Protein backbone atom coordinates (compact mmCIF):
# COMPACT_ATOMS: atom_id res chain seq x y z
CA MET A 1 -38.04 -38.74 65.99
CA ASN A 2 -36.96 -39.71 62.14
CA ILE A 3 -37.41 -38.79 58.95
CA ASP A 4 -40.53 -40.82 58.79
CA GLU A 5 -41.87 -40.02 61.79
CA ALA A 6 -41.09 -36.05 61.40
CA VAL A 7 -42.99 -36.19 57.60
CA SER A 8 -46.13 -37.78 59.40
CA PHE A 9 -46.39 -35.62 61.73
CA PHE A 10 -46.13 -32.66 59.67
CA GLN A 11 -49.34 -34.73 57.79
CA LYS A 12 -51.54 -34.49 60.59
CA PHE A 13 -50.11 -30.67 61.38
CA LEU A 14 -51.24 -29.77 58.18
CA THR A 15 -54.46 -31.48 58.41
CA ALA A 16 -55.33 -29.97 61.79
CA VAL A 17 -54.36 -26.26 59.93
CA TYR A 18 -56.27 -26.65 57.37
CA GLU A 19 -59.27 -27.52 59.44
CA GLN A 20 -59.06 -24.91 61.58
CA ASP A 21 -58.74 -22.63 58.17
CA VAL A 22 -61.98 -23.98 57.19
CA ALA A 23 -63.62 -23.08 60.93
CA ASN A 24 -62.05 -19.64 60.60
CA VAL A 25 -64.42 -18.58 57.68
CA THR A 26 -67.68 -21.25 58.35
CA ALA A 27 -67.84 -22.10 62.14
CA SER A 28 -68.86 -21.07 65.20
CA ASP A 29 -66.50 -19.58 67.95
CA ASP A 30 -66.96 -22.62 70.16
CA GLN A 31 -66.02 -24.82 66.87
CA LEU A 32 -63.74 -22.82 66.11
CA GLU A 33 -62.18 -22.70 69.71
CA GLN A 34 -61.68 -26.47 68.94
CA ARG A 35 -59.74 -26.63 66.32
CA ALA A 36 -57.26 -23.73 67.09
CA ALA A 37 -56.85 -25.65 70.44
CA ARG A 38 -56.15 -28.73 68.13
CA THR A 39 -53.45 -26.89 65.89
CA GLU A 40 -51.99 -25.78 69.42
CA SER A 41 -51.65 -29.17 70.78
CA PHE A 42 -48.90 -29.84 68.50
CA MET A 43 -47.15 -26.50 69.13
CA HIS A 44 -44.35 -26.00 72.09
CA SER A 45 -42.96 -22.38 73.21
CA SER A 46 -39.58 -22.49 74.62
CA PRO A 47 -38.80 -20.24 77.46
CA GLY A 48 -39.17 -16.80 76.10
CA THR A 49 -40.80 -17.19 72.86
CA SER A 50 -44.55 -17.62 71.96
CA MET A 51 -46.14 -20.68 69.94
CA THR A 52 -49.60 -20.32 69.21
CA SER A 53 -52.13 -20.67 65.88
CA PRO A 54 -51.90 -17.42 64.56
CA PHE A 55 -54.84 -17.81 62.02
CA MET A 56 -57.61 -16.29 64.02
CA ARG A 57 -60.78 -14.00 63.15
CA PRO A 58 -62.71 -12.00 66.06
CA ARG A 59 -64.67 -13.58 68.61
CA ARG A 60 -68.44 -12.67 68.66
CA LEU A 61 -69.01 -12.11 65.42
CA PRO A 62 -72.56 -12.59 64.65
CA ALA A 63 -74.05 -14.89 62.18
CA GLU A 64 -74.30 -12.63 59.39
CA LYS A 65 -71.09 -11.27 59.45
CA LEU A 66 -69.90 -14.44 59.54
CA ALA A 67 -71.47 -15.62 56.17
CA GLU A 68 -70.58 -12.48 54.93
CA ILE A 69 -67.04 -13.64 55.75
CA SER A 70 -67.90 -17.08 54.27
CA GLN A 71 -69.05 -15.45 51.14
CA ASN A 72 -66.13 -13.16 50.51
CA ALA A 73 -62.60 -15.76 51.95
CA SER A 74 -60.77 -17.16 49.50
CA THR A 75 -61.52 -21.28 49.51
CA PRO A 76 -59.01 -22.75 52.18
CA VAL A 77 -56.28 -25.58 50.91
CA ARG A 78 -54.23 -28.01 52.51
CA ARG A 79 -51.20 -26.42 52.95
CA PRO A 80 -48.85 -28.97 50.55
CA LEU A 81 -45.88 -30.49 52.47
CA TYR A 82 -43.21 -30.21 50.14
CA LEU A 83 -39.98 -31.16 51.89
CA VAL A 84 -38.79 -32.24 55.23
CA ALA A 85 -35.51 -31.81 56.36
CA GLY A 86 -33.42 -33.02 59.16
CA TYR A 87 -31.05 -31.27 60.96
CA ASP A 88 -28.26 -31.41 63.74
CA VAL A 89 -28.70 -27.96 65.21
CA PRO A 90 -26.40 -26.56 67.54
CA GLY A 91 -27.79 -25.92 70.98
CA TRP A 92 -31.26 -27.73 69.79
CA GLY A 93 -29.81 -31.16 68.74
CA ILE A 94 -31.98 -33.02 65.60
CA CYS A 95 -34.52 -30.56 64.32
CA PHE A 96 -36.63 -30.89 61.53
CA ALA A 97 -37.87 -28.16 58.87
CA ALA A 98 -41.29 -28.86 56.83
CA ASP A 99 -41.08 -26.32 53.44
CA VAL A 100 -45.22 -25.63 53.07
CA GLY A 101 -47.13 -23.80 50.94
CA GLY A 102 -49.61 -21.46 51.11
CA GLY A 103 -53.36 -22.37 52.77
CA GLU A 104 -55.60 -20.55 50.20
CA GLU A 105 -56.11 -20.91 46.47
CA THR A 106 -53.94 -18.20 45.60
CA ASN A 107 -51.00 -18.96 46.89
CA TYR A 108 -51.02 -23.02 47.52
CA ILE A 109 -48.33 -23.31 44.47
CA ALA A 110 -45.69 -21.55 46.57
CA TYR A 111 -43.28 -21.75 49.80
CA GLU A 112 -45.06 -19.84 52.42
CA ARG A 113 -44.01 -21.46 55.53
CA GLN A 114 -41.34 -23.20 57.36
CA TYR A 115 -42.13 -25.20 60.21
CA TRP A 116 -39.75 -26.26 62.96
CA ALA A 117 -40.01 -29.46 64.91
CA MET A 118 -38.28 -31.38 67.65
CA GLU A 119 -39.02 -34.14 70.82
CA VAL A 120 -40.10 -32.28 73.69
CA ASP A 121 -40.74 -34.34 76.43
CA GLY A 122 -40.62 -37.42 73.97
CA GLU A 123 -43.21 -35.77 71.57
CA PRO A 124 -43.19 -34.17 68.57
CA LYS A 125 -43.60 -30.84 68.59
CA ILE A 126 -43.52 -27.38 66.71
CA PHE A 127 -41.64 -24.77 68.53
CA ALA A 128 -40.33 -21.97 65.36
CA LEU A 129 -42.54 -21.30 62.64
CA TYR A 130 -40.74 -19.19 59.94
CA GLY A 131 -42.02 -17.06 57.12
CA ILE A 132 -40.42 -16.58 52.93
CA ASP A 133 -38.68 -12.80 53.03
CA PHE A 134 -40.40 -11.49 50.33
CA TYR A 135 -37.54 -8.83 50.17
CA ALA A 136 -34.75 -11.22 49.60
CA GLU A 137 -33.16 -11.83 46.26
CA ARG A 138 -32.83 -15.35 46.54
CA LEU A 139 -35.44 -17.29 49.12
CA ALA A 140 -34.48 -16.92 52.61
CA TRP A 141 -36.99 -17.37 55.74
CA GLU A 142 -37.59 -15.18 58.11
CA ASN A 143 -38.76 -15.84 61.58
CA ILE A 144 -42.37 -15.06 62.44
CA ALA A 145 -43.04 -16.96 66.04
CA GLY A 146 -41.58 -19.03 68.03
CA ALA A 147 -37.22 -19.99 68.33
CA VAL A 148 -34.81 -18.41 66.39
CA ILE A 149 -32.78 -21.04 64.55
CA GLY A 150 -29.34 -20.15 63.87
CA HIS A 151 -27.08 -21.78 61.51
CA THR A 152 -27.73 -25.06 60.54
CA GLY A 153 -25.46 -26.71 57.57
CA ASP A 154 -26.18 -29.01 55.61
CA PRO A 155 -28.90 -31.54 56.46
CA ILE A 156 -28.65 -35.08 58.01
CA ALA A 157 -31.73 -36.54 56.24
CA VAL A 158 -33.37 -34.97 53.55
CA ARG A 159 -37.56 -36.66 52.24
CA ALA A 160 -38.53 -34.97 49.17
CA LEU A 161 -42.06 -34.77 49.20
CA LYS A 162 -43.42 -32.72 46.38
CA GLU A 163 -41.34 -30.27 43.83
CA PRO A 164 -42.99 -26.93 43.93
CA ARG A 165 -44.13 -25.07 40.80
CA VAL A 166 -42.67 -21.66 41.50
CA PRO A 167 -38.95 -21.75 39.69
CA ARG A 168 -37.03 -19.97 42.94
CA ASP A 169 -38.82 -22.53 45.43
CA ARG A 170 -38.11 -25.57 43.32
CA ASP A 171 -34.31 -24.12 43.13
CA ASN A 172 -33.83 -24.64 46.59
CA TYR A 173 -35.70 -27.49 46.90
CA ARG A 174 -33.55 -29.35 44.27
CA ARG A 175 -30.52 -27.87 46.23
CA ILE A 176 -31.80 -29.51 49.77
CA VAL A 177 -32.60 -32.72 47.74
CA ALA A 178 -29.49 -33.20 46.74
CA SER A 179 -27.50 -31.79 49.75
CA ALA A 180 -28.41 -35.04 51.87
CA SER A 181 -29.63 -38.79 51.86
CA GLN A 182 -33.02 -39.53 51.19
CA GLU A 183 -32.85 -42.21 54.04
CA GLY A 184 -31.43 -40.66 56.59
CA THR A 185 -32.02 -40.27 60.68
């Protein structure tokens, strides 16, 4: 997988996540299950880890309860893809990190998640999910699911897509963009 393929993969994944987020507040259990299966088709659990779709609601809700959830829920938005960076990660090989915003109207302007993907059996798969560490003084990511990524060093490829508006996120974005080739792998 090269940087262009990684960007395309993450964009397709984020579309699946958005469709699942919408289904989570509007669709029947069967439709939501289909959306969750689609999202999880992008994921891989390495030995000793678990990667599943974290965007689920309780099953078998009565129609009136689902309508109430739909009415009171924040409007889902497609998570913005800010940056994709490729790294040669010791023990993992070439991996790509995607810095992604939130999926609701109230939090899509800031970094919220970082997905990690690599080739598994010839296909790109997400194998780790990180979230913002809100207690850190500077931008820091903490593992939420999947593999734990060790020290990566500088990226070998970077694709800048959309500069974040939040100063902390923008500073990190600019630092990564300046640290590697825009073309790369």
